[in-house]
Amino acid sequence: MSYPLHTQHTIPARSGIAVQLQINQTIKVINTHGSQVIDFWALTTSTIPESPASSTEDGNETHILIPPSYLSMSHTRGTTLHLSPLVGDTLVTNHRSPILTLIEDSTPGVHDTLIAACDIHRYRQLGVPEDVYHDNCVDNFRKAVSTSTYSWPAMQTPPDPLNLFMNIPVDGRGSSENDDENVTAGANIRFEKPVCKKGDYVVFKALTTCLVVMSACPQDLVKVNDMMPTEAHFVVS
């Protein structure tokens, strides 16, 4: 789906969308109600034409990302030395290539890079019965990518997302005043509601052509969306 530039578009509650970005374009992701986490991915498309292609029913070619090149949280942490991105940080792929820069952040800067996207197995762990479907970010990712001209390998788990606006406090075990003690050794993490206000946003600049995928997280069994998933919005410029 094509999204007109300089126009606010909706990420429907509990759903996902995919947006093509060209180099130097920006995407503004808006936490409209202040309480919604957005699972955020970016897939590079520079190698797509060399990948095997198959025709869909409407005659369009679908290219599979082989080998997939995507925004990687572990590689980005190793590059920025930050647990979550700060304004000015360059985010990188699993091939350590620059893909996005965070150029604006109106929030207190609380985002998460540690937690995997929710999936149906997560909701089973949280007590959702086997015969009940629960919306989840992994399925949202796959559905959103399928609306583009690209596809993700069916047997491959999606990358860990950048969880925008997600509040996962890290409680250090030791004292930061003691340089000989590693405060993150055995540290605890918690799921808490976002600390944003209504209308807070982040802006990324594309450093290469990429497909951005966003899921308005449907998690309603822990606090991350203040137990009430909502829609969010975005603008491409």
Protein backbone atom coordinates (compact mmCIF):
# COMPACT_ATOMS: atom_id res chain seq x y z
CA MET A 1 0.00 0.00 0.00
CA SER A 2 1.23 3.49 -0.84
CA TYR A 3 1.03 6.22 1.80
CA PRO A 4 0.98 9.86 0.60
CA LEU A 5 3.78 12.02 1.97
CA HIS A 6 3.27 14.71 4.63
CA THR A 7 -0.04 13.14 5.64
CA GLN A 8 -0.95 11.54 8.95
CA HIS A 9 -1.88 7.87 8.61
CA THR A 10 -3.27 5.39 11.13
CA ILE A 11 -1.72 2.23 12.52
CA PRO A 12 -4.96 0.50 13.56
CA ALA A 13 -5.16 -0.85 17.09
CA ARG A 14 -3.86 -4.42 17.40
CA SER A 15 -2.74 -4.38 13.75
CA GLY A 16 0.37 -3.87 11.63
CA ILE A 17 1.34 -1.93 8.51
CA ALA A 18 4.33 -1.82 6.16
CA VAL A 19 5.73 1.40 4.69
CA GLN A 20 8.37 1.78 1.99
CA LEU A 21 10.99 4.44 2.77
CA GLN A 22 13.42 5.86 0.24
CA ILE A 23 16.87 7.05 1.26
CA ASN A 24 16.73 10.38 3.17
CA GLN A 25 12.98 10.14 3.78
CA THR A 26 11.79 10.39 7.37
CA ILE A 27 9.08 8.61 9.30
CA LYS A 28 7.43 10.15 12.36
CA VAL A 29 5.78 7.62 14.67
CA ILE A 30 3.21 9.19 16.99
CA ASN A 31 2.01 7.76 20.30
CA THR A 32 -1.41 9.31 19.83
CA HIS A 33 -2.87 8.38 23.21
CA GLY A 34 0.45 8.19 25.06
CA SER A 35 0.02 4.58 26.15
CA GLN A 36 0.66 2.49 23.03
CA VAL A 37 3.77 0.45 22.26
CA ILE A 38 4.77 0.16 18.61
CA ASP A 39 6.86 -2.84 17.57
CA PHE A 40 9.11 -1.38 14.87
CA TRP A 41 11.17 -3.22 12.25
CA ALA A 42 13.07 -2.17 9.14
CA LEU A 43 14.10 -4.49 6.32
CA THR A 44 16.60 -3.42 3.70
CA THR A 45 15.55 -3.92 0.13
CA SER A 46 18.80 -3.34 -1.76
CA THR A 47 19.39 -7.06 -2.30
CA ILE A 48 15.79 -7.96 -3.12
CA PRO A 49 16.03 -7.95 -6.96
CA GLU A 50 18.74 -10.61 -6.78
CA SER A 51 16.55 -12.90 -4.68
CA PRO A 52 14.34 -15.65 -6.08
CA ALA A 53 10.95 -14.36 -7.16
CA SER A 54 7.56 -15.97 -7.50
CA SER A 55 4.37 -14.60 -9.00
CA THR A 56 1.31 -13.90 -6.89
CA GLU A 57 -2.26 -14.43 -8.14
CA ASP A 58 -2.46 -10.82 -9.32
CA GLY A 59 0.73 -11.22 -11.36
CA ASN A 60 2.99 -9.18 -9.09
CA GLU A 61 6.39 -10.58 -8.17
CA THR A 62 7.11 -11.36 -4.54
CA HIS A 63 10.76 -11.31 -3.54
CA ILE A 64 11.96 -13.30 -0.54
CA LEU A 65 14.61 -11.69 1.64
CA ILE A 66 17.52 -14.12 1.17
CA PRO A 67 19.72 -13.48 3.01
CA PRO A 68 17.53 -11.23 5.13
CA SER A 69 19.05 -7.91 6.07
CA TYR A 70 17.16 -6.12 8.81
CA LEU A 71 17.40 -3.63 11.63
CA SER A 72 19.08 -5.59 14.42
CA MET A 73 18.77 -4.66 18.07
CA SER A 74 21.80 -6.68 19.19
CA HIS A 75 24.04 -5.21 16.49
CA THR A 76 22.72 -1.71 17.18
CA ARG A 77 23.40 -1.99 20.92
CA GLY A 78 26.94 -3.08 20.14
CA THR A 79 27.37 -0.08 17.85
CA THR A 80 25.77 2.65 19.95
CA LEU A 81 26.64 1.19 23.38
CA HIS A 82 23.14 2.20 24.48
CA LEU A 83 20.37 -0.09 25.74
CA SER A 84 17.91 1.98 23.72
CA PRO A 85 18.52 4.56 20.99
CA LEU A 86 19.23 8.20 21.71
CA VAL A 87 18.78 11.11 19.31
CA GLY A 88 21.72 11.09 16.91
CA ASP A 89 22.27 7.34 17.15
CA THR A 90 22.72 5.36 13.94
CA LEU A 91 20.81 2.08 13.93
CA VAL A 92 22.37 -0.80 12.00
CA THR A 93 21.42 -4.08 10.36
CA ASN A 94 22.48 -7.61 11.14
CA HIS A 95 25.21 -6.98 8.55
CA ARG A 96 26.27 -3.89 10.57
CA SER A 97 25.21 -1.53 7.78
CA PRO A 98 23.58 1.81 8.72
CA ILE A 99 19.85 1.77 8.06
CA LEU A 100 18.20 4.52 10.16
CA THR A 101 19.11 7.47 12.35
CA LEU A 102 16.96 8.64 15.25
CA ILE A 103 16.72 12.38 14.62
CA GLU A 104 13.93 13.46 17.00
CA ASP A 105 12.40 12.09 20.19
CA SER A 106 9.83 14.07 22.17
CA THR A 107 9.49 11.31 24.78
CA PRO A 108 11.62 10.88 27.91
CA GLY A 109 13.64 8.45 25.77
CA VAL A 110 12.20 5.26 27.23
CA HIS A 111 12.11 2.57 24.54
CA ASP A 112 13.02 -1.13 24.63
CA THR A 113 15.41 -3.31 22.62
CA LEU A 114 15.38 -6.42 24.83
CA ILE A 115 11.92 -7.96 24.51
CA ALA A 116 10.90 -10.16 21.58
CA ALA A 117 7.70 -9.46 19.68
CA CYS A 118 4.66 -11.08 21.26
CA ASP A 119 3.44 -14.22 19.54
CA ILE A 120 0.70 -16.77 20.07
CA HIS A 121 3.00 -18.83 22.29
CA ARG A 122 3.46 -15.84 24.61
CA TYR A 123 -0.30 -15.55 25.04
CA ARG A 124 -0.57 -19.27 25.74
CA GLN A 125 1.98 -18.73 28.54
CA LEU A 126 -0.19 -15.90 29.84
CA GLY A 127 -3.24 -18.14 30.01
CA VAL A 128 -5.05 -17.67 26.70
CA PRO A 129 -6.72 -21.04 25.93
CA GLU A 130 -5.42 -23.19 23.08
CA ASP A 131 -8.65 -22.78 21.12
CA VAL A 132 -8.70 -18.96 21.39
CA TYR A 133 -6.75 -16.75 18.98
CA HIS A 134 -5.07 -13.61 20.31
CA ASP A 135 -3.75 -10.89 18.02
CA ASN A 136 0.03 -10.69 18.23
CA CYS A 137 2.91 -8.71 16.79
CA VAL A 138 4.58 -11.64 15.02
CA ASP A 139 1.43 -12.32 13.00
CA ASN A 140 1.00 -8.58 12.44
CA PHE A 141 4.56 -8.45 11.06
CA ARG A 142 3.93 -11.29 8.64
CA LYS A 143 0.58 -9.90 7.48
CA ALA A 144 2.01 -6.41 7.00
CA VAL A 145 4.99 -7.64 4.98
CA SER A 146 2.63 -9.73 2.86
CA THR A 147 0.84 -6.53 1.78
CA SER A 148 4.08 -5.26 0.27
CA THR A 149 5.92 -6.66 -2.74
CA TYR A 150 8.21 -8.60 -0.40
CA SER A 151 7.81 -11.59 1.88
CA TRP A 152 9.58 -12.95 4.93
CA PRO A 153 10.75 -16.60 4.97
CA ALA A 154 7.87 -18.62 6.39
CA MET A 155 10.02 -20.69 8.74
CA GLN A 156 12.10 -17.76 10.01
CA THR A 157 11.17 -15.93 13.20
CA PRO A 158 10.94 -12.16 12.68
CA PRO A 159 13.81 -10.11 14.13
CA ASP A 160 13.56 -8.69 17.62
CA PRO A 161 11.82 -5.33 17.18
CA LEU A 162 12.66 -1.90 18.44
CA ASN A 163 9.79 -1.52 20.90
CA LEU A 164 8.99 2.16 20.66
CA PHE A 165 7.57 3.74 23.82
CA MET A 166 7.86 0.43 25.71
CA ASN A 167 8.85 0.79 29.37
CA ILE A 168 11.00 -2.12 30.58
CA PRO A 169 12.85 -0.86 33.68
CA VAL A 170 16.18 -2.57 34.38
CA ASP A 171 16.77 -2.93 38.12
CA GLY A 172 20.49 -3.32 38.78
CA ARG A 173 21.48 -5.78 41.46
CA GLY A 174 24.52 -3.88 42.72
CA SER A 175 25.57 -0.32 43.51
CA SER A 176 26.72 1.94 40.69
CA GLU A 177 29.03 3.69 43.17
CA ASN A 178 31.22 0.60 43.29
CA ASP A 179 33.21 0.39 40.04
CA ASP A 180 34.19 -3.19 40.82
CA GLU A 181 30.58 -4.37 40.89
CA ASN A 182 28.64 -5.03 37.69
CA VAL A 183 25.18 -3.61 38.39
CA THR A 184 23.62 -5.47 35.46
CA ALA A 185 24.75 -8.93 36.58
CA GLY A 186 21.52 -10.77 37.34
CA ALA A 187 19.56 -7.54 36.95
CA ASN A 188 15.78 -7.75 36.93
CA ILE A 189 13.46 -6.35 34.28
CA ARG A 190 9.79 -5.43 34.62
CA PHE A 191 6.86 -4.71 32.31
CA GLU A 192 5.42 -1.26 33.05
CA LYS A 193 3.14 1.17 31.25
CA PRO A 194 4.69 3.77 28.92
CA VAL A 195 5.88 7.05 30.40
CA CYS A 196 4.87 9.08 27.34
CA LYS A 197 2.25 11.78 27.09
CA LYS A 198 -0.40 12.01 24.39
CA GLY A 199 1.08 12.96 21.03
CA ASP A 200 4.69 12.11 21.87
CA TYR A 201 6.66 10.96 18.85
CA VAL A 202 9.95 9.79 17.41
CA VAL A 203 11.38 10.57 13.96
CA PHE A 204 13.76 8.34 12.01
CA LYS A 205 15.67 9.20 8.84
CA ALA A 206 16.29 6.42 6.31
CA LEU A 207 19.95 5.93 5.46
CA THR A 208 19.06 3.42 2.76
CA THR A 209 15.93 2.25 0.98
CA CYS A 210 14.04 0.09 3.44
CA LEU A 211 10.67 -1.37 4.31
CA VAL A 212 9.46 -0.21 7.73
CA VAL A 213 7.01 -2.51 9.50
CA MET A 214 5.05 -1.34 12.54
CA SER A 215 2.64 -3.18 14.82
CA ALA A 216 0.38 -1.45 17.32
CA CYS A 217 1.05 -4.05 19.99
CA PRO A 218 -2.12 -5.92 21.05
CA GLN A 219 -0.71 -6.94 24.45
CA ASP A 220 -3.51 -6.54 26.99
CA LEU A 221 -2.45 -9.03 29.65
CA VAL A 222 0.59 -7.17 31.02
CA LYS A 223 1.05 -3.45 31.64
CA VAL A 224 3.01 -2.41 28.54
CA ASN A 225 0.03 -0.72 26.81
CA ASP A 226 -1.60 0.26 30.11
CA MET A 227 -3.81 -2.81 29.46
CA MET A 228 -5.70 -0.95 26.68
CA PRO A 229 -4.20 -1.28 23.16
CA THR A 230 -5.03 1.69 20.92
CA GLU A 231 -4.29 2.98 17.45
CA ALA A 232 -1.26 5.14 16.70
CA HIS A 233 -0.24 7.32 13.76
CA PHE A 234 2.68 8.03 11.45
CA VAL A 235 3.81 10.55 8.84
CA VAL A 236 6.32 9.98 6.04
CA SER A 237 8.18 13.04 4.73
